[in-house]
Amino acid sequence: MSEDRTAPRPDTDAADATGPAAKDPDDWSTGDEPMTGPQRSYLHTLAQQAGQEPPPDSLSKAEASRRIDELQERTGRGG
C-alpha cells in the first residue's frame, strides 16, 4: 500500500493547520488589549457551567484566553 500524502503529518502539516490561535497568549501583540465581546460571552457561559462566578470584565485578551482554556478543561468543552 502507498502512503497517503493528503493526510497531515504530525510533525509539519498538523501544526500549520492550527494557525495563529496556537500561539502562546503571552506572545500576542494584542494580548494586553481588553478582552473581546465573544471572549467575555464565552467566559460567562463557561463560568456558569463550571459553577463559578464570572471573571471580571477587566481581563486582557491574553488573560481571557488562559481563563477560557482553564474553564474548558473543567467543563469538558475543550478541544
PDB file of N, CA and C in Angstrom:
ATOM      1  N   MET A   1       0.829  -1.188   0.000  1.00  0.00           N
ATOM      2  CA  MET A   1       0.000   0.000   0.000  1.00  0.00           C
ATOM      3  C   MET A   1       0.872   1.250   0.000  1.00  0.00           C
ATOM      4  N   SER A   2       0.453   2.291  -0.689  1.00  0.00           N
ATOM      5  CA  SER A   2       1.241   3.517  -0.708  1.00  0.00           C
ATOM      6  C   SER A   2       0.806   4.445   0.420  1.00  0.00           C
ATOM      7  N   GLU A   3       1.718   5.308   0.806  1.00  0.00           N
ATOM      8  CA  GLU A   3       1.453   6.263   1.886  1.00  0.00           C
ATOM      9  C   GLU A   3       0.482   7.344   1.403  1.00  0.00           C
ATOM     10  N   ASP A   4      -0.484   7.708   2.242  1.00  0.00           N
ATOM     11  CA  ASP A   4      -1.441   8.756   1.907  1.00  0.00           C
ATOM     12  C   ASP A   4      -0.785  10.109   2.156  1.00  0.00           C
ATOM     13  N   ARG A   5      -0.493  10.833   1.105  1.00  0.00           N
ATOM     14  CA  ARG A   5       0.204  12.117   1.229  1.00  0.00           C
ATOM     15  C   ARG A   5      -0.754  13.285   1.487  1.00  0.00           C
ATOM     16  N   THR A   6      -2.064  13.035   1.479  1.00  0.00           N
ATOM     17  CA  THR A   6      -3.015  14.123   1.727  1.00  0.00           C
ATOM     18  C   THR A   6      -3.298  14.311   3.206  1.00  0.00           C
ATOM     19  N   ALA A   7      -3.033  13.302   4.020  1.00  0.00           N
ATOM     20  CA  ALA A   7      -3.267  13.413   5.454  1.00  0.00           C
ATOM     21  C   ALA A   7      -2.177  14.270   6.078  1.00  0.00           C
ATOM     22  N   PRO A   8      -2.516  15.112   7.063  1.00  0.00           N
ATOM     23  CA  PRO A   8      -1.493  15.930   7.700  1.00  0.00           C
ATOM     24  C   PRO A   8      -0.487  15.063   8.446  1.00  0.00           C
ATOM     25  N   ARG A   9       0.769  15.431   8.324  1.00  0.00           N
ATOM     26  CA  ARG A   9       1.805  14.736   9.066  1.00  0.00           C
ATOM     27  C   ARG A   9       1.950  15.420  10.404  1.00  0.00           C
ATOM     28  N   PRO A  10       2.077  14.671  11.494  1.00  0.00           N
ATOM     29  CA  PRO A  10       2.117  15.278  12.827  1.00  0.00           C
ATOM     30  C   PRO A  10       3.247  16.274  13.020  1.00  0.00           C
ATOM     31  N   ASP A  11       4.343  16.113  12.293  1.00  0.00           N
ATOM     32  CA  ASP A  11       5.477  16.996  12.532  1.00  0.00           C
ATOM     33  C   ASP A  11       5.445  18.275  11.698  1.00  0.00           C
ATOM     34  N   THR A  12       4.529  18.389  10.731  1.00  0.00           N
ATOM     35  CA  THR A  12       4.527  19.593   9.899  1.00  0.00           C
ATOM     36  C   THR A  12       3.138  20.130   9.650  1.00  0.00           C
ATOM     37  N   ASP A  13       2.385  19.453   8.819  1.00  0.00           N
ATOM     38  CA  ASP A  13       1.094  19.974   8.361  1.00  0.00           C
ATOM     39  C   ASP A  13       0.108  20.210   9.489  1.00  0.00           C
ATOM     40  N   ALA A  14       0.046  19.329  10.461  1.00  0.00           N
ATOM     41  CA  ALA A  14      -0.928  19.478  11.545  1.00  0.00           C
ATOM     42  C   ALA A  14      -0.657  20.744  12.339  1.00  0.00           C
ATOM     43  N   ALA A  15       0.609  21.052  12.576  1.00  0.00           N
ATOM     44  CA  ALA A  15       0.936  22.264  13.321  1.00  0.00           C
ATOM     45  C   ALA A  15       0.537  23.505  12.536  1.00  0.00           C
ATOM     46  N   ASP A  16       0.721  23.468  11.216  1.00  0.00           N
ATOM     47  CA  ASP A  16       0.347  24.607  10.393  1.00  0.00           C
ATOM     48  C   ASP A  16      -1.154  24.822  10.377  1.00  0.00           C
ATOM     49  N   ALA A  17      -1.935  23.758  10.504  1.00  0.00           N
ATOM     50  CA  ALA A  17      -3.388  23.852  10.439  1.00  0.00           C
ATOM     51  C   ALA A  17      -3.974  24.566  11.647  1.00  0.00           C
ATOM     52  N   THR A  18      -3.224  24.646  12.749  1.00  0.00           N
ATOM     53  CA  THR A  18      -3.758  25.281  13.947  1.00  0.00           C
ATOM     54  C   THR A  18      -3.739  26.796  13.837  1.00  0.00           C
ATOM     55  N   GLY A  19      -2.886  27.349  13.005  1.00  0.00           N
ATOM     56  CA  GLY A  19      -2.861  28.779  12.758  1.00  0.00           C
ATOM     57  C   GLY A  19      -2.434  29.603  13.953  1.00  0.00           C
ATOM     58  N   PRO A  20      -2.697  30.899  13.918  1.00  0.00           N
ATOM     59  CA  PRO A  20      -2.229  31.816  14.943  1.00  0.00           C
ATOM     60  C   PRO A  20      -2.809  31.559  16.321  1.00  0.00           C
ATOM     61  N   ALA A  21      -3.961  30.929  16.421  1.00  0.00           N
ATOM     62  CA  ALA A  21      -4.575  30.700  17.721  1.00  0.00           C
ATOM     63  C   ALA A  21      -3.726  29.796  18.593  1.00  0.00           C
ATOM     64  N   ALA A  22      -2.833  29.014  18.001  1.00  0.00           N
ATOM     65  CA  ALA A  22      -1.983  28.119  18.770  1.00  0.00           C
ATOM     66  C   ALA A  22      -0.829  28.860  19.425  1.00  0.00           C
ATOM     67  N   LYS A  23      -0.618  30.105  19.084  1.00  0.00           N
ATOM     68  CA  LYS A  23       0.454  30.910  19.650  1.00  0.00           C
ATOM     69  C   LYS A  23       0.162  31.187  21.122  1.00  0.00           C
ATOM     70  N   ASP A  24       1.190  31.164  21.942  1.00  0.00           N
ATOM     71  CA  ASP A  24       1.046  31.439  23.373  1.00  0.00           C
ATOM     72  C   ASP A  24       0.484  32.846  23.559  1.00  0.00           C
ATOM     73  N   PRO A  25      -0.564  32.996  24.369  1.00  0.00           N
ATOM     74  CA  PRO A  25      -1.147  34.332  24.576  1.00  0.00           C
ATOM     75  C   PRO A  25      -0.144  35.372  25.047  1.00  0.00           C
ATOM     76  N   ASP A  26       0.912  34.942  25.758  1.00  0.00           N
ATOM     77  CA  ASP A  26       1.928  35.895  26.200  1.00  0.00           C
ATOM     78  C   ASP A  26       2.691  36.500  25.023  1.00  0.00           C
ATOM     79  N   ASP A  27       2.660  35.822  23.879  1.00  0.00           N
ATOM     80  CA  ASP A  27       3.364  36.300  22.695  1.00  0.00           C
ATOM     81  C   ASP A  27       2.472  37.098  21.748  1.00  0.00           C
ATOM     82  N   TRP A  28       1.197  37.260  22.057  1.00  0.00           N
ATOM     83  CA  TRP A  28       0.285  38.009  21.197  1.00  0.00           C
ATOM     84  C   TRP A  28       0.650  39.484  21.234  1.00  0.00           C
ATOM     85  N   SER A  29       0.677  40.117  20.082  1.00  0.00           N
ATOM     86  CA  SER A  29       0.964  41.556  20.050  1.00  0.00           C
ATOM     87  C   SER A  29      -0.207  42.363  20.615  1.00  0.00           C
ATOM     88  N   THR A  30      -1.411  41.791  20.620  1.00  0.00           N
ATOM     89  CA  THR A  30      -2.592  42.488  21.144  1.00  0.00           C
ATOM     90  C   THR A  30      -3.067  41.874  22.468  1.00  0.00           C
ATOM     91  N   GLY A  31      -2.232  41.062  23.094  1.00  0.00           N
ATOM     92  CA  GLY A  31      -2.635  40.368  24.315  1.00  0.00           C
ATOM     93  C   GLY A  31      -2.991  41.272  25.473  1.00  0.00           C
ATOM     94  N   ASP A  32      -2.438  42.484  25.499  1.00  0.00           N
ATOM     95  CA  ASP A  32      -2.723  43.415  26.589  1.00  0.00           C
ATOM     96  C   ASP A  32      -4.006  44.207  26.377  1.00  0.00           C
ATOM     97  N   GLU A  33      -4.578  44.115  25.191  1.00  0.00           N
ATOM     98  CA  GLU A  33      -5.831  44.830  24.915  1.00  0.00           C
ATOM     99  C   GLU A  33      -6.967  44.189  25.691  1.00  0.00           C
ATOM    100  N   PRO A  34      -8.052  44.929  25.924  1.00  0.00           N
ATOM    101  CA  PRO A  34      -9.202  44.353  26.637  1.00  0.00           C
ATOM    102  C   PRO A  34      -9.758  43.137  25.889  1.00  0.00           C
ATOM    103  N   MET A  35     -10.288  42.187  26.653  1.00  0.00           N
ATOM    104  CA  MET A  35     -10.863  41.004  26.012  1.00  0.00           C
ATOM    105  C   MET A  35     -11.978  41.410  25.072  1.00  0.00           C
ATOM    106  N   THR A  36     -12.227  40.569  24.108  1.00  0.00           N
ATOM    107  CA  THR A  36     -13.251  40.851  23.107  1.00  0.00           C
ATOM    108  C   THR A  36     -14.632  40.485  23.641  1.00  0.00           C
ATOM    109  N   GLY A  37     -15.648  40.954  22.958  1.00  0.00           N
ATOM    110  CA  GLY A  37     -17.024  40.613  23.328  1.00  0.00           C
ATOM    111  C   GLY A  37     -17.277  39.112  23.297  1.00  0.00           C
ATOM    112  N   PRO A  38     -16.841  38.429  22.227  1.00  0.00           N
ATOM    113  CA  PRO A  38     -17.044  36.977  22.191  1.00  0.00           C
ATOM    114  C   PRO A  38     -16.305  36.246  23.326  1.00  0.00           C
ATOM    115  N   GLN A  39     -15.113  36.721  23.678  1.00  0.00           N
ATOM    116  CA  GLN A  39     -14.400  36.111  24.803  1.00  0.00           C
ATOM    117  C   GLN A  39     -15.201  36.290  26.094  1.00  0.00           C
ATOM    118  N   ARG A  40     -15.692  37.505  26.313  1.00  0.00           N
ATOM    119  CA  ARG A  40     -16.463  37.806  27.525  1.00  0.00           C
ATOM    120  C   ARG A  40     -17.702  36.907  27.608  1.00  0.00           C
ATOM    121  N   SER A  41     -18.422  36.805  26.512  1.00  0.00           N
ATOM    122  CA  SER A  41     -19.630  35.992  26.488  1.00  0.00           C
ATOM    123  C   SER A  41     -19.322  34.523  26.764  1.00  0.00           C
ATOM    124  N   TYR A  42     -18.288  34.000  26.099  1.00  0.00           N
ATOM    125  CA  TYR A  42     -17.940  32.587  26.270  1.00  0.00           C
ATOM    126  C   TYR A  42     -17.436  32.323  27.693  1.00  0.00           C
ATOM    127  N   LEU A  43     -16.664  33.264  28.247  1.00  0.00           N
ATOM    128  CA  LEU A  43     -16.202  33.107  29.625  1.00  0.00           C
ATOM    129  C   LEU A  43     -17.363  33.046  30.606  1.00  0.00           C
ATOM    130  N   HIS A  44     -18.341  33.887  30.397  1.00  0.00           N
ATOM    131  CA  HIS A  44     -19.509  33.881  31.282  1.00  0.00           C
ATOM    132  C   HIS A  44     -20.258  32.546  31.167  1.00  0.00           C
ATOM    133  N   THR A  45     -20.397  32.040  29.960  1.00  0.00           N
ATOM    134  CA  THR A  45     -21.059  30.743  29.754  1.00  0.00           C
ATOM    135  C   THR A  45     -20.281  29.631  30.432  1.00  0.00           C
ATOM    136  N   LEU A  46     -18.968  29.595  30.223  1.00  0.00           N
ATOM    137  CA  LEU A  46     -18.148  28.545  30.820  1.00  0.00           C
ATOM    138  C   LEU A  46     -18.145  28.628  32.344  1.00  0.00           C
ATOM    139  N   ALA A  47     -18.052  29.839  32.878  1.00  0.00           N
ATOM    140  CA  ALA A  47     -18.051  30.008  34.334  1.00  0.00           C
ATOM    141  C   ALA A  47     -19.357  29.492  34.928  1.00  0.00           C
ATOM    142  N   GLN A  48     -20.462  29.807  34.271  1.00  0.00           N
ATOM    143  CA  GLN A  48     -21.764  29.337  34.751  1.00  0.00           C
ATOM    144  C   GLN A  48     -21.810  27.808  34.743  1.00  0.00           C
ATOM    145  N   GLN A  49     -21.323  27.201  33.664  1.00  0.00           N
ATOM    146  CA  GLN A  49     -21.330  25.741  33.565  1.00  0.00           C
ATOM    147  C   GLN A  49     -20.401  25.097  34.585  1.00  0.00           C
ATOM    148  N   ALA A  50     -19.333  25.808  34.971  1.00  0.00           N
ATOM    149  CA  ALA A  50     -18.385  25.288  35.951  1.00  0.00           C
ATOM    150  C   ALA A  50     -18.818  25.603  37.380  1.00  0.00           C
ATOM    151  N   GLY A  51     -19.929  26.333  37.529  1.00  0.00           N
ATOM    152  CA  GLY A  51     -20.413  26.692  38.859  1.00  0.00           C
ATOM    153  C   GLY A  51     -19.561  27.748  39.529  1.00  0.00           C
ATOM    154  N   GLN A  52     -18.953  28.621  38.732  1.00  0.00           N
ATOM    155  CA  GLN A  52     -18.089  29.676  39.257  1.00  0.00           C
ATOM    156  C   GLN A  52     -18.669  31.046  38.950  1.00  0.00           C
ATOM    157  N   GLU A  53     -18.168  32.024  39.685  1.00  0.00           N
ATOM    158  CA  GLU A  53     -18.536  33.406  39.405  1.00  0.00           C
ATOM    159  C   GLU A  53     -17.902  33.805  38.078  1.00  0.00           C
ATOM    160  N   PRO A  54     -18.563  34.644  37.293  1.00  0.00           N
ATOM    161  CA  PRO A  54     -17.950  35.103  36.046  1.00  0.00           C
ATOM    162  C   PRO A  54     -16.703  35.925  36.355  1.00  0.00           C
ATOM    163  N   PRO A  55     -15.707  35.858  35.501  1.00  0.00           N
ATOM    164  CA  PRO A  55     -14.491  36.634  35.717  1.00  0.00           C
ATOM    165  C   PRO A  55     -14.752  38.120  35.527  1.00  0.00           C
ATOM    166  N   PRO A  56     -13.854  38.958  36.040  1.00  0.00           N
ATOM    167  CA  PRO A  56     -14.048  40.405  35.863  1.00  0.00           C
ATOM    168  C   PRO A  56     -13.952  40.799  34.396  1.00  0.00           C
ATOM    169  N   ASP A  57     -14.693  41.815  34.021  1.00  0.00           N
ATOM    170  CA  ASP A  57     -14.691  42.296  32.645  1.00  0.00           C
ATOM    171  C   ASP A  57     -13.398  43.024  32.290  1.00  0.00           C
ATOM    172  N   SER A  58     -12.521  43.214  33.257  1.00  0.00           N
ATOM    173  CA  SER A  58     -11.277  43.950  33.023  1.00  0.00           C
ATOM    174  C   SER A  58     -10.136  43.057  32.523  1.00  0.00           C
ATOM    175  N   LEU A  59     -10.403  41.779  32.252  1.00  0.00           N
ATOM    176  CA  LEU A  59      -9.344  40.892  31.777  1.00  0.00           C
ATOM    177  C   LEU A  59      -8.839  41.334  30.405  1.00  0.00           C
ATOM    178  N   SER A  60      -7.559  41.071  30.162  1.00  0.00           N
ATOM    179  CA  SER A  60      -6.991  41.322  28.837  1.00  0.00           C
ATOM    180  C   SER A  60      -7.325  40.144  27.929  1.00  0.00           C
ATOM    181  N   LYS A  61      -7.045  40.302  26.639  1.00  0.00           N
ATOM    182  CA  LYS A  61      -7.280  39.209  25.698  1.00  0.00           C
ATOM    183  C   LYS A  61      -6.490  37.969  26.106  1.00  0.00           C
ATOM    184  N   ALA A  62      -5.229  38.152  26.498  1.00  0.00           N
ATOM    185  CA  ALA A  62      -4.388  37.023  26.872  1.00  0.00           C
ATOM    186  C   ALA A  62      -4.910  36.356  28.146  1.00  0.00           C
ATOM    187  N   GLU A  63      -5.283  37.159  29.147  1.00  0.00           N
ATOM    188  CA  GLU A  63      -5.826  36.595  30.391  1.00  0.00           C
ATOM    189  C   GLU A  63      -7.122  35.844  30.119  1.00  0.00           C
ATOM    190  N   ALA A  64      -7.971  36.410  29.279  1.00  0.00           N
ATOM    191  CA  ALA A  64      -9.236  35.765  28.943  1.00  0.00           C
ATOM    192  C   ALA A  64      -8.982  34.436  28.236  1.00  0.00           C
ATOM    193  N   SER A  65      -8.019  34.408  27.350  1.00  0.00           N
ATOM    194  CA  SER A  65      -7.706  33.176  26.633  1.00  0.00           C
ATOM    195  C   SER A  65      -7.255  32.084  27.597  1.00  0.00           C
ATOM    196  N   ARG A  66      -6.384  32.444  28.538  1.00  0.00           N
ATOM    197  CA  ARG A  66      -5.925  31.458  29.527  1.00  0.00           C
ATOM    198  C   ARG A  66      -7.087  30.977  30.392  1.00  0.00           C
ATOM    199  N   ARG A  67      -7.965  31.897  30.790  1.00  0.00           N
ATOM    200  CA  ARG A  67      -9.113  31.522  31.627  1.00  0.00           C
ATOM    201  C   ARG A  67     -10.063  30.618  30.847  1.00  0.00           C
ATOM    202  N   ILE A  68     -10.261  30.895  29.578  1.00  0.00           N
ATOM    203  CA  ILE A  68     -11.098  30.044  28.723  1.00  0.00           C
ATOM    204  C   ILE A  68     -10.518  28.636  28.691  1.00  0.00           C
ATOM    205  N   ASP A  69      -9.208  28.533  28.498  1.00  0.00           N
ATOM    206  CA  ASP A  69      -8.565  27.214  28.474  1.00  0.00           C
ATOM    207  C   ASP A  69      -8.804  26.453  29.772  1.00  0.00           C
ATOM    208  N   GLU A  70      -8.653  27.140  30.904  1.00  0.00           N
ATOM    209  CA  GLU A  70      -8.868  26.510  32.214  1.00  0.00           C
ATOM    210  C   GLU A  70     -10.304  26.014  32.362  1.00  0.00           C
ATOM    211  N   LEU A  71     -11.251  26.880  32.014  1.00  0.00           N
ATOM    212  CA  LEU A  71     -12.655  26.523  32.190  1.00  0.00           C
ATOM    213  C   LEU A  71     -13.105  25.457  31.202  1.00  0.00           C
ATOM    214  N   GLN A  72     -12.547  25.465  30.006  1.00  0.00           N
ATOM    215  CA  GLN A  72     -12.880  24.407  29.049  1.00  0.00           C
ATOM    216  C   GLN A  72     -12.435  23.053  29.596  1.00  0.00           C
ATOM    217  N   GLU A  73     -11.274  23.035  30.217  1.00  0.00           N
ATOM    218  CA  GLU A  73     -10.782  21.788  30.801  1.00  0.00           C
ATOM    219  C   GLU A  73     -11.701  21.315  31.923  1.00  0.00           C
ATOM    220  N   ARG A  74     -12.129  22.245  32.772  1.00  0.00           N
ATOM    221  CA  ARG A  74     -13.027  21.897  33.884  1.00  0.00           C
ATOM    222  C   ARG A  74     -14.392  21.407  33.423  1.00  0.00           C
ATOM    223  N   THR A  75     -14.891  22.021  32.360  1.00  0.00           N
ATOM    224  CA  THR A  75     -16.247  21.682  31.899  1.00  0.00           C
ATOM    225  C   THR A  75     -16.261  20.585  30.843  1.00  0.00           C
ATOM    226  N   GLY A  76     -15.079  20.197  30.369  1.00  0.00           N
ATOM    227  CA  GLY A  76     -15.017  19.172  29.337  1.00  0.00           C
ATOM    228  C   GLY A  76     -15.345  19.703  27.952  1.00  0.00           C
ATOM    229  N   ARG A  77     -15.330  21.028  27.784  1.00  0.00           N
ATOM    230  CA  ARG A  77     -15.666  21.617  26.486  1.00  0.00           C
ATOM    231  C   ARG A  77     -14.433  21.907  25.656  1.00  0.00           C
ATOM    232  N   GLY A  78     -13.280  21.578  26.170  1.00  0.00           N
ATOM    233  CA  GLY A  78     -12.036  21.832  25.429  1.00  0.00           C
ATOM    234  C   GLY A  78     -11.909  20.912  24.237  1.00  0.00           C
ATOM    235  N   GLY A  79     -11.079  21.351  23.286  1.00  0.00           N
ATOM    236  CA  GLY A  79     -10.904  20.603  22.061  1.00  0.00           C
ATOM    237  C   GLY A  79      -9.919  19.546  22.099  1.00  0.00           C
TER     238      GLY A  79
END
